[in-house]
Structure formats: C-alpha cells, structure tokens
Amino acid sequence: MKWIKVRSKLISEIAYDEAGNELHIRFQGRTEKVFPNIPKHMFENLLTAESPGFYYATYISEHASAR
C-alpha cells in the first residue's frame, strides 16, 4: 500500500488497500483512520478532488464507519 500526499488543511496523506477495499486516511496531526468497504473510485475522487477535505466531509465521513 502506497501513501500519497494530498493538498489539504485536514488530510495529510491517503492510501488504498485494494485487497480489502479499505481507504486509509492520515489527517494533519498524524491521526489515522481506516474506512472499510470504500470503492476504489471514491479513493480516486478523493485523490483528485479540488478540496480533499470537502470531499471527505461530504462523501466519506458521514457515510462510512471508521476503525
């Protein structure tokens, strides 16, 4: 799994585990959360979003339970 830096005030890096369909998000301040059952296209959308923080808040945080 490869971590990718994103330009965001909220998120530092993201990674995707295709085998488990898990989205890994490392927030500013180094807190990390794992979101299971996230389709790969949502990872790709987060990666290319103009505002990754907005995309996360709108499509991921409210609709997925993190570990």
Protein backbone atom coordinates (compact mmCIF):
# COMPACT_ATOMS: atom_id res chain seq x y z
CA MET A 1 0.00 0.00 0.00
CA LYS A 2 1.40 3.36 -1.04
CA TRP A 3 0.71 6.58 0.85
CA ILE A 4 0.04 9.64 -1.30
CA LYS A 5 0.27 13.21 -0.01
CA VAL A 6 -2.68 15.49 -0.76
CA ARG A 7 -3.02 19.26 -0.56
CA SER A 8 -5.47 19.77 2.25
CA LYS A 9 -5.71 21.56 5.58
CA LEU A 10 -7.49 18.49 7.01
CA ILE A 11 -5.80 15.50 5.36
CA SER A 12 -2.10 14.79 5.09
CA GLU A 13 -1.95 11.50 3.15
CA ILE A 14 -4.22 8.80 1.78
CA ALA A 15 -3.73 5.19 0.76
CA TYR A 16 -5.96 2.44 -0.61
CA ASP A 17 -5.83 -1.28 0.09
CA GLU A 18 -7.44 -2.94 -2.93
CA ALA A 19 -7.46 -6.39 -1.37
CA GLY A 20 -9.66 -5.21 1.49
CA ASN A 21 -11.35 -2.23 -0.18
CA GLU A 22 -10.07 -0.07 2.66
CA LEU A 23 -9.40 3.64 2.47
CA HIS A 24 -6.67 4.81 4.84
CA ILE A 25 -6.57 8.49 5.74
CA ARG A 26 -3.80 10.16 7.71
CA PHE A 27 -5.01 13.51 9.00
CA GLN A 28 -2.89 16.55 9.81
CA GLY A 29 -1.54 15.86 13.27
CA ARG A 30 -0.94 12.21 12.32
CA THR A 31 -4.27 10.72 13.43
CA GLU A 32 -5.08 7.83 11.11
CA LYS A 33 -8.41 6.21 10.28
CA VAL A 34 -9.29 3.19 8.18
CA PHE A 35 -12.60 3.14 6.29
CA PRO A 36 -13.71 -0.36 5.18
CA ASN A 37 -15.87 -1.11 2.14
CA ILE A 38 -14.91 2.01 0.21
CA PRO A 39 -14.98 1.58 -3.59
CA LYS A 40 -11.77 2.43 -5.40
CA HIS A 41 -13.45 5.24 -7.35
CA MET A 42 -14.04 7.10 -4.07
CA PHE A 43 -10.32 6.89 -3.29
CA GLU A 44 -9.56 8.20 -6.79
CA ASN A 45 -12.11 11.01 -6.38
CA LEU A 46 -10.58 11.97 -3.03
CA LEU A 47 -7.13 11.96 -4.60
CA THR A 48 -8.15 14.27 -7.46
CA ALA A 49 -10.66 16.47 -5.62
CA GLU A 50 -10.08 20.20 -5.70
CA SER A 51 -10.74 20.11 -1.95
CA PRO A 52 -9.97 16.69 -0.44
CA GLY A 53 -11.25 17.90 2.94
CA PHE A 54 -14.63 18.84 1.45
CA TYR A 55 -14.86 15.54 -0.44
CA TYR A 56 -14.02 13.63 2.75
CA ALA A 57 -16.61 15.54 4.81
CA THR A 58 -19.31 15.22 2.17
CA TYR A 59 -18.90 11.67 0.85
CA ILE A 60 -16.82 9.65 3.30
CA SER A 61 -17.06 10.75 6.93
CA GLU A 62 -20.83 10.81 7.14
CA HIS A 63 -21.41 7.60 5.19
CA ALA A 64 -18.74 5.21 6.46
CA SER A 65 -17.74 3.94 9.83
CA ALA A 66 -14.03 4.15 10.53
CA ARG A 67 -11.85 1.87 12.55
